[in-house]
Amino acid sequence: MNVTPDIIRFEFIGTEAKIVRSSSRGYVGIKGRVIDETRNTFTILQGNERKKIVKEVSTFQFKFPDGTVVEIDGALLVGRPEDRLKKQVRRLW
């Protein structure tokens, strides 16, 4: 997978996710499969528990099916998944 700013347009449901940083200490270290996404949250299945994680205050590490691991600031992911497809991201490099 080629990692570009367009990565925020990817469908995250079904990917493996881990919270690597968050202003909410209880979120750090949670990992599992993303099973749902809303405008402001991801629902992650960790074992048999569902954890709702606020996007804006967290940094996520996603592992895609091809083995690529990407770290993304959750503030870039805030918004409805269908609207994120239309979002333009300015390249910083």
C-alpha atoms as a PDB file:
ATOM      1  CA  MET A   1       0.000   0.000   0.000  1.00  0.00           C
ATOM      2  CA  ASN A   2       1.311   3.437  -0.902  1.00  0.00           C
ATOM      3  CA  VAL A   3       0.974   5.737   2.112  1.00  0.00           C
ATOM      4  CA  THR A   4      -0.121   9.219   1.040  1.00  0.00           C
ATOM      5  CA  PRO A   5      -2.333  11.933   2.559  1.00  0.00           C
ATOM      6  CA  ASP A   6      -5.231  10.164   0.832  1.00  0.00           C
ATOM      7  CA  ILE A   7      -4.995   7.476   3.522  1.00  0.00           C
ATOM      8  CA  ILE A   8      -7.714   9.292   5.479  1.00  0.00           C
ATOM      9  CA  ARG A   9     -10.151   8.331   2.713  1.00  0.00           C
ATOM     10  CA  PHE A  10      -9.626   4.637   3.408  1.00  0.00           C
ATOM     11  CA  GLU A  11     -12.369   2.498   4.959  1.00  0.00           C
ATOM     12  CA  PHE A  12     -11.240   1.765   8.520  1.00  0.00           C
ATOM     13  CA  ILE A  13     -13.955  -0.713   9.487  1.00  0.00           C
ATOM     14  CA  GLY A  14     -12.366  -4.140   9.620  1.00  0.00           C
ATOM     15  CA  THR A  15      -8.800  -2.942  10.166  1.00  0.00           C
ATOM     16  CA  GLU A  16      -6.725  -3.612  13.266  1.00  0.00           C
ATOM     17  CA  ALA A  17      -6.286  -0.483  15.390  1.00  0.00           C
ATOM     18  CA  LYS A  18      -4.257   0.471  18.431  1.00  0.00           C
ATOM     19  CA  ILE A  19      -4.415   3.719  20.407  1.00  0.00           C
ATOM     20  CA  VAL A  20      -0.826   4.912  20.830  1.00  0.00           C
ATOM     21  CA  ARG A  21      -1.495   8.366  22.335  1.00  0.00           C
ATOM     22  CA  SER A  22      -4.496  10.070  23.844  1.00  0.00           C
ATOM     23  CA  SER A  23      -5.331  12.888  26.207  1.00  0.00           C
ATOM     24  CA  SER A  24      -7.635  10.363  27.891  1.00  0.00           C
ATOM     25  CA  ARG A  25      -5.287   7.958  29.709  1.00  0.00           C
ATOM     26  CA  GLY A  26      -7.822   5.130  29.688  1.00  0.00           C
ATOM     27  CA  TYR A  27      -7.671   4.875  25.890  1.00  0.00           C
ATOM     28  CA  VAL A  28      -3.907   4.311  25.536  1.00  0.00           C
ATOM     29  CA  GLY A  29      -3.064   0.706  24.732  1.00  0.00           C
ATOM     30  CA  ILE A  30      -6.522  -0.356  23.568  1.00  0.00           C
ATOM     31  CA  LYS A  31      -6.196  -2.516  20.482  1.00  0.00           C
ATOM     32  CA  GLY A  32      -8.503  -4.611  18.398  1.00  0.00           C
ATOM     33  CA  ARG A  33     -10.606  -4.608  15.243  1.00  0.00           C
ATOM     34  CA  VAL A  34     -12.604  -1.518  14.226  1.00  0.00           C
ATOM     35  CA  ILE A  35     -16.231  -2.651  14.010  1.00  0.00           C
ATOM     36  CA  ASP A  36     -18.063   0.681  13.680  1.00  0.00           C
ATOM     37  CA  GLU A  37     -17.375   4.330  12.930  1.00  0.00           C
ATOM     38  CA  THR A  38     -19.425   7.439  13.604  1.00  0.00           C
ATOM     39  CA  ARG A  39     -18.676  11.114  13.137  1.00  0.00           C
ATOM     40  CA  ASN A  40     -16.668  11.385  16.361  1.00  0.00           C
ATOM     41  CA  THR A  41     -15.883   7.831  17.451  1.00  0.00           C
ATOM     42  CA  PHE A  42     -14.511   4.462  16.486  1.00  0.00           C
ATOM     43  CA  THR A  43     -15.894   1.327  18.124  1.00  0.00           C
ATOM     44  CA  ILE A  44     -13.125  -1.199  18.652  1.00  0.00           C
ATOM     45  CA  LEU A  45     -13.731  -4.836  19.551  1.00  0.00           C
ATOM     46  CA  GLN A  46     -11.111  -5.790  22.132  1.00  0.00           C
ATOM     47  CA  GLY A  47     -11.589  -9.422  23.093  1.00  0.00           C
ATOM     48  CA  ASN A  48     -15.332  -9.589  23.771  1.00  0.00           C
ATOM     49  CA  GLU A  49     -15.640  -5.938  24.817  1.00  0.00           C
ATOM     50  CA  ARG A  50     -16.691  -3.023  22.644  1.00  0.00           C
ATOM     51  CA  LYS A  51     -14.734   0.167  23.335  1.00  0.00           C
ATOM     52  CA  LYS A  52     -15.885   3.547  21.995  1.00  0.00           C
ATOM     53  CA  ILE A  53     -12.880   5.765  21.318  1.00  0.00           C
ATOM     54  CA  VAL A  54     -13.187   9.498  20.655  1.00  0.00           C
ATOM     55  CA  LYS A  55     -11.257  10.307  17.469  1.00  0.00           C
ATOM     56  CA  GLU A  56     -10.277  13.892  18.228  1.00  0.00           C
ATOM     57  CA  VAL A  57      -8.270  13.183  21.400  1.00  0.00           C
ATOM     58  CA  SER A  58      -6.453  10.055  20.175  1.00  0.00           C
ATOM     59  CA  THR A  59      -3.684   8.994  17.825  1.00  0.00           C
ATOM     60  CA  PHE A  60      -4.332   5.667  16.119  1.00  0.00           C
ATOM     61  CA  GLN A  61      -2.043   3.047  14.643  1.00  0.00           C
ATOM     62  CA  PHE A  62      -3.843   1.103  11.917  1.00  0.00           C
ATOM     63  CA  LYS A  63      -2.680  -2.182  10.401  1.00  0.00           C
ATOM     64  CA  PHE A  64      -4.134  -2.701   6.947  1.00  0.00           C
ATOM     65  CA  PRO A  65      -4.793  -6.111   5.343  1.00  0.00           C
ATOM     66  CA  ASP A  66      -1.604  -5.920   3.259  1.00  0.00           C
ATOM     67  CA  GLY A  67       0.510  -5.515   6.438  1.00  0.00           C
ATOM     68  CA  THR A  68       1.088  -1.761   6.177  1.00  0.00           C
ATOM     69  CA  VAL A  69       1.092   0.000   9.561  1.00  0.00           C
ATOM     70  CA  VAL A  70       0.171   3.695   9.634  1.00  0.00           C
ATOM     71  CA  GLU A  71      -0.097   6.147  12.531  1.00  0.00           C
ATOM     72  CA  ILE A  72      -2.804   8.796  12.092  1.00  0.00           C
ATOM     73  CA  ASP A  73      -3.888  11.681  14.314  1.00  0.00           C
ATOM     74  CA  GLY A  74      -7.568  11.170  15.083  1.00  0.00           C
ATOM     75  CA  ALA A  75      -8.303  14.878  14.563  1.00  0.00           C
ATOM     76  CA  LEU A  76      -7.801  14.261  10.816  1.00  0.00           C
ATOM     77  CA  LEU A  77     -10.444  11.526  10.912  1.00  0.00           C
ATOM     78  CA  VAL A  78     -13.228  13.512  12.589  1.00  0.00           C
ATOM     79  CA  GLY A  79     -16.293  13.588  10.371  1.00  0.00           C
ATOM     80  CA  ARG A  80     -18.763  11.175   8.909  1.00  0.00           C
ATOM     81  CA  PRO A  81     -17.035   8.398   6.972  1.00  0.00           C
ATOM     82  CA  GLU A  82     -18.966   9.215   3.797  1.00  0.00           C
ATOM     83  CA  ASP A  83     -17.973  12.905   3.998  1.00  0.00           C
ATOM     84  CA  ARG A  84     -14.319  12.029   4.583  1.00  0.00           C
ATOM     85  CA  LEU A  85     -14.213  10.600   1.055  1.00  0.00           C
ATOM     86  CA  LYS A  86     -14.813  14.093  -0.328  1.00  0.00           C
ATOM     87  CA  LYS A  87     -12.281  15.793   1.965  1.00  0.00           C
ATOM     88  CA  GLN A  88      -9.201  17.358   0.387  1.00  0.00           C
ATOM     89  CA  VAL A  89      -5.954  17.100   2.336  1.00  0.00           C
ATOM     90  CA  ARG A  90      -3.104  19.485   1.749  1.00  0.00           C
ATOM     91  CA  ARG A  91       0.241  17.748   1.324  1.00  0.00           C
ATOM     92  CA  LEU A  92       2.809  18.827   3.866  1.00  0.00           C
ATOM     93  CA  TRP A  93       5.774  17.375   1.968  1.00  0.00           C
END
